């Protein structure tokens, strides 16, 4: 009789403990996939934004001049002296290289497009959606949409105004990717995270079933930890008593901590500057080093430092110092968007990695960046703050990660010792 009573109590304790843990796993799964999906959407928006600007830049390089509509009945779109009406080579090349659909609008009408009807004809002569016309043509602002319907198909799309040299809006550039492809990519990318969360959650429940009768106090500690993580507290700590155990419950606790660390690692952004944080930068740098070694592609590493940053804090206060970091970071991020990546390395120090660029290219790019920093005007209260930066540049070599960063740091030190506001390589 006593054995039956003990088994029943174990079952009751298991249900009481397992249900909250299952809920925690669901919440963690939901929060993780929601965060991951949003991050993917931001990545898609960034890619489409970059592609749209690239198309405009390529059009300006290939066909200098303003956009004009020529003709009375049979209308042709010219850019400068070049008739674009049937010039599909550029947009087709962009699609071939990037996989994105491209459309050039004059006002609200498609003139050049890679989108085709079912019969293979290009979708020219059709109009942009009313919402896009309102936001982009009339509002004059670029917009990102997640549910644009074109020719019966839903797209993730980015529209950017097309302007002549006088600043007037004459049309739009569209860059899009079918929503079905984006959703499929998100599902494939999120599968490992889903599987990991599900497996860890199921393992926790299994161990609970085996040991609830003797270790219900330990289980409550684990449950409290998972509840904290599921509500977003990624700094929560599991009681050391659980982690020191050498039995299955110790394994559960360590698995839960590993899951917390896995979720924490997805948050790679520095909260003040919105650049990559140091951990993310190290990971990306190692990936570039491995790819360079395998494919013999060049890259360069640069450490930069805001000159006399302590004086800014001492003179204007730390709030001003934070604003300087934000403004400088924006310039770094925009400049490095197509060149590699920028990250906050620590304090007022930044790591820049020039991907697929040799030293001459990186040096030229850094000098352009240096000019942008010099011209930067940072308003704070009733003052305008100006700063400069010093950069230490070193070529990417097939050496260890630590040595590469030390080389860049040594160049940075030489630059600061030599007077600051310069690039040293």
Protein backbone atom coordinates (compact mmCIF):
# COMPACT_ATOMS: atom_id res chain seq x y z
CA UNK A 1 0.00 0.00 0.00
CA UNK A 2 2.81 2.39 0.87
CA UNK A 3 4.48 1.74 -2.49
CA UNK A 4 1.28 2.58 -4.38
CA UNK A 5 0.86 5.78 -2.38
CA UNK A 6 4.45 6.75 -3.11
CA UNK A 7 3.96 6.07 -6.85
CA UNK A 8 0.82 8.18 -6.91
CA UNK A 9 2.56 11.04 -5.16
CA UNK A 10 5.44 10.79 -7.61
CA UNK A 11 2.96 11.01 -10.48
CA UNK A 12 1.26 14.05 -8.92
CA UNK A 13 4.58 15.77 -8.33
CA UNK A 14 5.63 14.94 -11.88
CA UNK A 15 2.46 16.49 -13.34
CA UNK A 16 2.75 19.57 -11.11
CA UNK A 17 6.38 20.07 -12.13
CA UNK A 18 6.21 18.97 -15.76
CA UNK A 19 3.28 21.17 -16.82
CA UNK A 20 5.04 24.46 -15.91
CA UNK A 21 8.25 23.21 -17.55
CA UNK A 22 6.38 22.30 -20.72
CA UNK A 23 4.84 25.77 -20.70
CA UNK A 24 8.30 27.27 -20.24
CA UNK A 25 9.57 25.31 -23.23
CA UNK A 26 6.68 26.54 -25.37
CA UNK A 27 7.23 30.14 -24.31
CA UNK A 28 10.98 29.87 -24.95
CA UNK A 29 10.28 28.30 -28.33
CA UNK A 30 7.80 31.04 -29.22
CA UNK A 31 10.08 33.86 -28.06
CA UNK A 32 13.11 32.38 -29.79
CA UNK A 33 11.37 31.81 -33.13
CA UNK A 34 9.70 35.24 -32.95
CA UNK A 35 13.04 36.93 -32.30
CA UNK A 36 14.72 34.90 -35.05
CA UNK A 37 11.95 35.73 -37.55
CA UNK A 38 12.21 39.44 -36.81
CA UNK A 39 15.96 39.29 -37.20
CA UNK A 40 15.54 37.56 -40.57
CA UNK A 41 13.04 40.22 -41.67
CA UNK A 42 15.55 42.93 -40.76
CA UNK A 43 18.24 41.09 -42.68
CA UNK A 44 15.99 40.82 -45.76
CA UNK A 45 15.15 44.53 -45.50
CA UNK A 46 18.84 45.38 -45.30
CA UNK A 47 19.64 43.21 -48.34
CA UNK A 48 16.81 44.70 -50.41
CA UNK A 49 17.78 48.23 -49.35
CA UNK A 50 21.37 47.67 -50.42
CA UNK A 51 20.30 46.13 -53.74
CA UNK A 52 17.93 49.04 -54.51
CA UNK A 53 20.65 51.61 -53.91
CA UNK A 54 23.03 49.52 -56.00
CA UNK A 55 20.60 49.50 -58.94
CA UNK A 56 20.27 53.30 -58.83
CA UNK A 57 24.04 53.65 -58.63
CA UNK A 58 24.57 51.26 -61.56
CA UNK A 59 21.99 53.11 -63.66
CA UNK A 60 23.74 56.41 -62.97
CA UNK A 61 27.11 54.96 -63.90
CA UNK A 62 25.90 53.19 -67.03
CA UNK A 63 23.60 55.95 -68.32
CA UNK A 64 24.50 59.43 -67.03
CA UNK A 65 21.80 62.07 -67.10
CA UNK A 66 18.21 62.67 -65.99
CA UNK A 67 15.13 60.54 -66.67
CA UNK A 68 12.77 61.95 -69.33
CA UNK A 69 9.72 60.61 -71.13
CA UNK A 70 9.89 61.24 -74.88
CA UNK A 71 7.14 60.98 -77.51
CA UNK A 72 3.49 61.81 -78.06
CA UNK A 73 1.79 58.47 -78.63
CA UNK A 74 4.59 55.90 -78.52
CA UNK A 75 6.41 56.94 -75.35
CA UNK A 76 10.02 56.08 -74.59
CA UNK A 77 11.91 56.54 -71.33
CA UNK A 78 15.34 58.13 -71.71
CA UNK A 79 18.12 58.52 -69.18
CA UNK A 80 20.35 61.21 -70.54
CA UNK A 81 20.73 60.33 -74.22
CA UNK A 82 20.03 56.61 -73.77
CA UNK A 83 16.66 54.98 -74.47
CA UNK A 84 15.90 52.63 -71.54
CA UNK A 85 12.53 51.40 -72.77
CA UNK A 86 13.81 47.98 -73.81
CA UNK A 87 17.21 48.01 -72.11
CA UNK A 88 16.86 44.97 -69.83
CA UNK A 89 20.49 43.92 -69.57
CA UNK A 90 21.21 45.76 -66.31
CA UNK A 91 18.12 44.65 -64.38
CA UNK A 92 18.49 41.09 -65.68
CA UNK A 93 22.10 41.03 -64.51
CA UNK A 94 21.08 42.22 -61.04
CA UNK A 95 18.50 39.45 -60.84
CA UNK A 96 21.00 36.87 -62.03
CA UNK A 97 23.58 37.97 -59.46
CA UNK A 98 21.27 38.48 -56.46
CA UNK A 99 18.14 36.43 -57.16
CA UNK A 100 15.99 39.52 -56.51
CA UNK A 101 13.27 40.77 -58.84
CA UNK A 102 13.93 44.31 -60.13
CA UNK A 103 11.56 46.94 -61.52
CA UNK A 104 12.14 50.50 -62.73
CA UNK A 105 9.04 52.72 -62.56
CA UNK A 106 8.49 56.01 -64.32
CA UNK A 107 5.96 57.63 -61.99
CA UNK A 108 3.68 54.69 -61.10
CA UNK A 109 4.18 52.68 -64.32
CA UNK A 110 6.54 49.74 -64.77
CA UNK A 111 9.02 50.48 -67.56
CA UNK A 112 11.74 47.87 -66.96
CA UNK A 113 11.11 44.72 -64.93
CA UNK A 114 12.34 41.19 -64.46
CA UNK A 115 8.88 40.02 -63.34
CA UNK A 116 7.08 38.01 -66.00
CA UNK A 117 3.54 36.87 -66.62
CA UNK A 118 2.67 33.19 -66.96
CA UNK A 119 3.12 33.44 -70.73
CA UNK A 120 6.68 34.71 -70.27
CA UNK A 121 6.01 38.33 -71.16
CA UNK A 122 7.45 41.00 -68.90
CA UNK A 123 5.00 42.78 -66.61
CA UNK A 124 5.60 46.21 -68.15
CA UNK A 125 2.98 48.96 -68.43
CA UNK A 126 1.27 48.02 -65.14
CA UNK A 127 0.92 50.25 -62.11
CA UNK A 128 2.38 50.13 -58.62
CA UNK A 129 -0.01 49.45 -55.70
CA UNK A 130 -1.87 52.48 -54.38
CA UNK A 131 -0.22 52.24 -50.95
CA UNK A 132 3.24 52.29 -52.54
CA UNK A 133 2.32 55.31 -54.65
CA UNK A 134 1.15 57.12 -51.52
CA UNK A 135 4.18 56.21 -49.39
CA UNK A 136 6.99 56.48 -51.96
CA UNK A 137 5.89 58.68 -54.86
CA UNK A 138 3.85 61.13 -52.81
CA UNK A 139 5.64 60.78 -49.48
CA UNK A 140 9.14 60.77 -50.97
CA UNK A 141 10.39 58.09 -48.56
CA UNK A 142 11.76 54.59 -49.18
CA UNK A 143 9.59 51.80 -47.72
CA UNK A 144 9.91 48.11 -46.93
CA UNK A 145 6.81 45.91 -47.29
CA UNK A 146 6.29 42.28 -46.30
CA UNK A 147 3.11 41.55 -48.23
CA UNK A 148 3.13 43.31 -51.61
CA UNK A 149 0.95 41.49 -54.16
CA UNK A 150 2.33 41.62 -57.71
CA UNK A 151 0.89 39.57 -60.56
CA UNK A 152 -0.91 37.39 -58.00
CA UNK A 153 2.25 36.62 -56.03
CA UNK A 154 3.21 37.97 -52.59
CA UNK A 155 6.61 39.64 -52.21
CA UNK A 156 8.90 41.07 -49.59
CA UNK A 157 9.64 44.35 -51.33
CA UNK A 158 11.64 47.53 -51.00
CA UNK A 159 10.66 50.66 -52.93
CA UNK A 160 12.93 53.69 -53.15
CA UNK A 161 12.20 57.00 -54.90
CA UNK A 162 13.93 57.64 -58.21
CA UNK A 163 15.12 61.24 -58.41
CA UNK A 164 16.52 63.47 -61.11
CA UNK A 165 19.46 65.78 -60.50
CA UNK A 166 17.13 68.58 -59.37
CA UNK A 167 15.76 66.38 -56.58
CA UNK A 168 12.35 65.83 -58.19
CA UNK A 169 10.85 62.35 -57.87
CA UNK A 170 10.27 60.85 -61.32
CA UNK A 171 9.64 57.25 -60.39
CA UNK A 172 10.70 54.36 -58.16
CA UNK A 173 13.01 51.38 -58.03
CA UNK A 174 11.56 48.11 -56.72
CA UNK A 175 13.59 45.21 -55.35
CA UNK A 176 11.64 42.16 -54.23
CA UNK A 177 11.83 38.54 -53.21
CA UNK A 178 8.88 36.13 -53.23
CA UNK A 179 7.47 35.66 -49.75
CA UNK A 180 7.39 31.90 -50.26
CA UNK A 181 11.18 31.85 -50.67
CA UNK A 182 11.69 34.03 -47.58
CA UNK A 183 9.34 31.91 -45.47
CA UNK A 184 11.06 28.73 -46.63
CA UNK A 185 14.47 30.15 -45.72
CA UNK A 186 13.21 31.16 -42.28
CA UNK A 187 11.75 27.71 -41.65
CA UNK A 188 14.94 25.94 -42.71
CA UNK A 189 17.11 28.28 -40.66
CA UNK A 190 14.94 28.00 -37.55
CA UNK A 191 14.66 24.19 -37.57
CA UNK A 192 17.87 23.61 -35.53
CA UNK A 193 16.72 26.09 -32.88
CA UNK A 194 13.26 24.51 -32.69
CA UNK A 195 14.70 21.01 -32.50
CA UNK A 196 17.20 22.06 -29.83
CA UNK A 197 14.52 23.69 -27.66
CA UNK A 198 12.14 20.74 -28.09
CA UNK A 199 14.82 18.14 -27.31
CA UNK A 200 16.05 19.99 -24.23
CA UNK A 201 12.48 20.46 -23.00
CA UNK A 202 11.63 16.78 -23.53
CA UNK A 203 14.83 15.70 -21.78
CA UNK A 204 13.97 17.85 -18.78
CA UNK A 205 10.50 16.30 -18.58
CA UNK A 206 11.96 12.79 -18.91
CA UNK A 207 14.41 13.33 -16.09
CA UNK A 208 11.64 14.82 -13.99
CA UNK A 209 9.61 11.65 -14.44
CA UNK A 210 12.53 9.52 -13.27
CA UNK A 211 13.52 11.51 -10.22
CA UNK A 212 10.54 13.56 -9.01
CA UNK A 213 9.83 11.39 -5.98
CA UNK A 214 13.24 12.12 -4.42
CA UNK A 215 14.26 15.48 -5.81
CA UNK A 216 11.19 17.68 -6.05
CA UNK A 217 13.02 20.56 -4.36
CA UNK A 218 15.75 20.46 -7.03
CA UNK A 219 13.10 20.38 -9.75
CA UNK A 220 11.48 23.51 -8.36
CA UNK A 221 14.83 25.31 -8.60
CA UNK A 222 15.17 24.29 -12.24
CA UNK A 223 11.59 25.34 -12.98
CA UNK A 224 12.16 28.76 -11.43
CA UNK A 225 15.28 29.23 -13.57
CA UNK A 226 13.48 28.28 -16.80
CA UNK A 227 10.58 30.58 -15.95
CA UNK A 228 13.03 33.46 -15.58
CA UNK A 229 14.64 32.66 -18.94
CA UNK A 230 11.28 32.31 -20.68
CA UNK A 231 10.28 35.81 -19.56
CA UNK A 232 13.44 37.28 -21.07
CA UNK A 233 15.85 37.27 -18.12
CA UNK A 234 18.93 35.85 -19.84
CA UNK A 235 21.14 36.80 -16.88
CA UNK A 236 19.30 34.48 -14.49
CA UNK A 237 21.51 32.03 -12.58
CA UNK A 238 20.69 28.48 -11.63
CA UNK A 239 21.38 27.52 -8.03
CA UNK A 240 24.93 26.18 -7.76
CA UNK A 241 23.64 23.24 -5.71
CA UNK A 242 21.95 21.91 -8.84
CA UNK A 243 24.96 22.48 -11.09
CA UNK A 244 27.29 20.65 -8.69
CA UNK A 245 25.22 17.48 -8.73
CA UNK A 246 26.76 14.51 -10.55
CA UNK A 247 23.46 12.82 -11.32
CA UNK A 248 20.79 13.35 -13.98
CA UNK A 249 19.38 16.43 -12.26
CA UNK A 250 22.78 18.09 -12.50
CA UNK A 251 22.73 17.29 -16.21
CA UNK A 252 19.28 18.87 -16.54
CA UNK A 253 20.51 22.01 -14.85
CA UNK A 254 23.58 22.24 -17.09
CA UNK A 255 21.44 21.57 -20.18
CA UNK A 256 19.13 24.39 -19.13
CA UNK A 257 22.10 26.74 -18.70
CA UNK A 258 23.41 25.71 -22.13
CA UNK A 259 20.01 26.50 -23.63
CA UNK A 260 20.05 29.90 -21.94
CA UNK A 261 23.52 30.57 -23.34
CA UNK A 262 22.39 29.51 -26.82
CA UNK A 263 19.52 32.01 -26.72
CA UNK A 264 21.82 34.69 -25.33
CA UNK A 265 24.26 34.16 -28.19
CA UNK A 266 21.55 35.11 -30.68
CA UNK A 267 21.62 38.59 -29.20
CA UNK A 268 24.78 39.86 -30.85
CA UNK A 269 24.09 43.58 -30.99
CA UNK A 270 25.75 46.21 -28.83
CA UNK A 271 22.80 48.02 -27.18
CA UNK A 272 24.27 51.55 -27.34
CA UNK A 273 25.73 51.65 -30.85
CA UNK A 274 23.62 48.90 -32.50
CA UNK A 275 26.81 47.54 -34.04
CA UNK A 276 27.97 43.93 -33.64
CA UNK A 277 29.28 43.30 -30.17
CA UNK A 278 32.74 41.86 -29.56
CA UNK A 279 31.59 38.24 -29.40
CA UNK A 280 29.75 38.50 -32.69
CA UNK A 281 32.70 40.30 -34.29
CA UNK A 282 35.11 37.56 -33.24
CA UNK A 283 32.83 34.93 -34.72
CA UNK A 284 32.44 36.78 -38.04
CA UNK A 285 36.17 37.50 -38.25
CA UNK A 286 37.02 33.84 -37.78
CA UNK A 287 34.55 32.91 -40.53
CA UNK A 288 36.18 35.39 -42.92
CA UNK A 289 39.64 34.07 -42.00
CA UNK A 290 38.57 30.49 -42.70
CA UNK A 291 36.97 31.45 -46.01
CA UNK A 292 40.03 33.45 -46.99
CA UNK A 293 42.34 30.56 -46.24
CA UNK A 294 40.16 28.13 -48.20
CA UNK A 295 39.57 30.41 -51.20
CA UNK A 296 42.64 32.67 -51.09
CA UNK A 297 40.50 35.82 -50.98
CA UNK A 298 41.99 38.97 -49.42
CA UNK A 299 40.70 40.74 -46.34
CA UNK A 300 41.99 43.43 -43.99
CA UNK A 301 41.50 44.11 -40.30
CA UNK A 302 41.41 47.56 -38.74
CA UNK A 303 41.14 48.78 -35.16
CA UNK A 304 39.94 52.37 -34.78
CA UNK A 305 39.75 54.63 -31.77
CA UNK A 306 37.97 57.96 -31.20
CA UNK A 307 40.67 60.51 -30.45
CA UNK A 308 40.58 62.25 -27.04
CA UNK A 309 37.28 60.59 -26.13
CA UNK A 310 37.98 61.00 -22.42
CA UNK A 311 38.18 64.76 -22.96
CA UNK A 312 34.72 64.68 -24.52
CA UNK A 313 33.32 62.92 -21.45
CA UNK A 314 35.17 65.23 -19.07
CA UNK A 315 34.09 68.38 -20.92
CA UNK A 316 30.51 67.62 -21.90
CA UNK A 317 29.55 64.66 -19.73
CA UNK A 318 28.87 60.98 -20.36
CA UNK A 319 25.53 61.63 -22.07
CA UNK A 320 27.41 63.54 -24.73
CA UNK A 321 29.97 60.74 -24.92
CA UNK A 322 27.18 58.23 -25.55
CA UNK A 323 25.77 60.43 -28.31
CA UNK A 324 29.22 60.67 -29.91
CA UNK A 325 29.49 56.87 -29.86
CA UNK A 326 26.05 56.53 -31.47
CA UNK A 327 26.72 59.09 -34.21
CA UNK A 328 30.17 57.73 -35.04
CA UNK A 329 28.79 54.18 -35.08
CA UNK A 330 26.15 55.21 -37.61
CA UNK A 331 28.84 56.55 -39.93
CA UNK A 332 30.92 53.39 -39.50
CA UNK A 333 27.97 51.09 -40.12
CA UNK A 334 26.84 52.94 -43.24
CA UNK A 335 30.36 53.11 -44.64
CA UNK A 336 31.09 49.43 -44.03
CA UNK A 337 27.70 48.15 -45.21
CA UNK A 338 29.05 46.98 -48.58
CA UNK A 339 32.70 46.67 -47.57
CA UNK A 340 32.58 44.20 -44.69
CA UNK A 341 31.38 44.91 -41.18
CA UNK A 342 31.94 47.19 -38.19
CA UNK A 343 31.68 46.30 -34.51
CA UNK A 344 32.15 47.94 -31.15
CA UNK A 345 35.31 46.42 -29.74
CA UNK A 346 35.15 48.12 -26.37
CA UNK A 347 34.67 51.63 -25.02
CA UNK A 348 35.47 54.04 -27.83
CA UNK A 349 37.35 51.41 -29.84
CA UNK A 350 35.92 49.77 -32.97
CA UNK A 351 36.85 46.79 -35.13
CA UNK A 352 36.44 47.12 -38.91
CA UNK A 353 36.91 44.11 -41.20
CA UNK A 354 37.22 44.75 -44.95
CA UNK A 355 36.04 41.58 -46.67
CA UNK A 356 37.44 40.71 -50.13
CA UNK A 357 39.54 43.88 -50.18
CA UNK A 358 43.31 44.22 -50.38
CA UNK A 359 45.38 46.78 -48.46
CA UNK A 360 45.26 49.46 -51.16
CA UNK A 361 41.48 49.25 -51.38
CA UNK A 362 41.04 49.19 -47.62
CA UNK A 363 43.43 52.11 -47.15
CA UNK A 364 41.54 54.22 -49.70
CA UNK A 365 38.23 53.33 -48.08
CA UNK A 366 39.56 54.25 -44.62
CA UNK A 367 40.71 57.65 -45.83
CA UNK A 368 37.21 58.32 -47.16
CA UNK A 369 35.83 57.21 -43.80
CA UNK A 370 38.29 59.47 -42.00
CA UNK A 371 36.99 62.46 -43.96
CA UNK A 372 33.40 61.55 -43.06
CA UNK A 373 34.31 61.47 -39.36
CA UNK A 374 36.08 64.83 -39.60
CA UNK A 375 33.03 66.42 -41.21
CA UNK A 376 30.62 64.86 -38.71
CA UNK A 377 28.75 67.46 -36.66
CA UNK A 378 27.30 66.04 -33.45
CA UNK A 379 24.70 68.31 -31.82
CA UNK A 380 24.48 68.13 -28.05
CA UNK A 381 22.31 70.57 -26.13
CA UNK A 382 23.45 74.01 -27.45
CA UNK A 383 26.84 72.82 -28.71
CA UNK A 384 28.26 71.05 -31.73
CA UNK A 385 30.91 68.42 -31.04
CA UNK A 386 33.56 67.38 -33.57
CA UNK A 387 35.77 64.33 -33.24
CA UNK A 388 38.50 62.55 -35.20
CA UNK A 389 39.62 58.94 -35.27
CA UNK A 390 42.84 57.00 -35.62
CA UNK A 391 42.94 53.69 -37.49
CA UNK A 392 45.45 50.88 -37.46
CA UNK A 393 45.18 48.71 -40.59
CA UNK A 394 46.76 45.31 -41.13
CA UNK A 395 46.39 42.79 -43.97
CA UNK A 396 44.52 39.57 -43.35
CA UNK A 397 47.02 36.77 -43.14
CA UNK A 398 46.82 33.04 -42.60
CA UNK A 399 47.82 33.41 -38.99
CA UNK A 400 46.04 32.99 -35.71
CA UNK A 401 43.19 35.27 -34.72
CA UNK A 402 44.98 36.79 -31.71
CA UNK A 403 48.11 37.72 -33.65
CA UNK A 404 46.06 39.40 -36.36
CA UNK A 405 44.29 41.61 -33.82
CA UNK A 406 47.55 42.39 -32.05
CA UNK A 407 49.03 43.57 -35.36
CA UNK A 408 46.08 45.91 -35.89
CA UNK A 409 46.31 47.14 -32.31
CA UNK A 410 50.02 47.86 -32.71
CA UNK A 411 49.30 49.92 -35.84
CA UNK A 412 46.62 51.80 -33.92
CA UNK A 413 49.10 52.53 -31.15
CA UNK A 414 51.62 53.83 -33.71
CA UNK A 415 48.93 56.10 -35.17
CA UNK A 416 48.03 57.57 -31.78
CA UNK A 417 51.69 58.02 -30.90
CA UNK A 418 52.26 59.74 -34.24
CA UNK A 419 49.64 62.43 -33.71
CA UNK A 420 46.22 60.76 -34.18
CA UNK A 421 43.63 61.53 -36.90
CA UNK A 422 45.27 59.23 -39.44
CA UNK A 423 45.45 55.74 -40.93
CA UNK A 424 48.56 53.72 -40.15
CA UNK A 425 49.35 50.50 -42.01
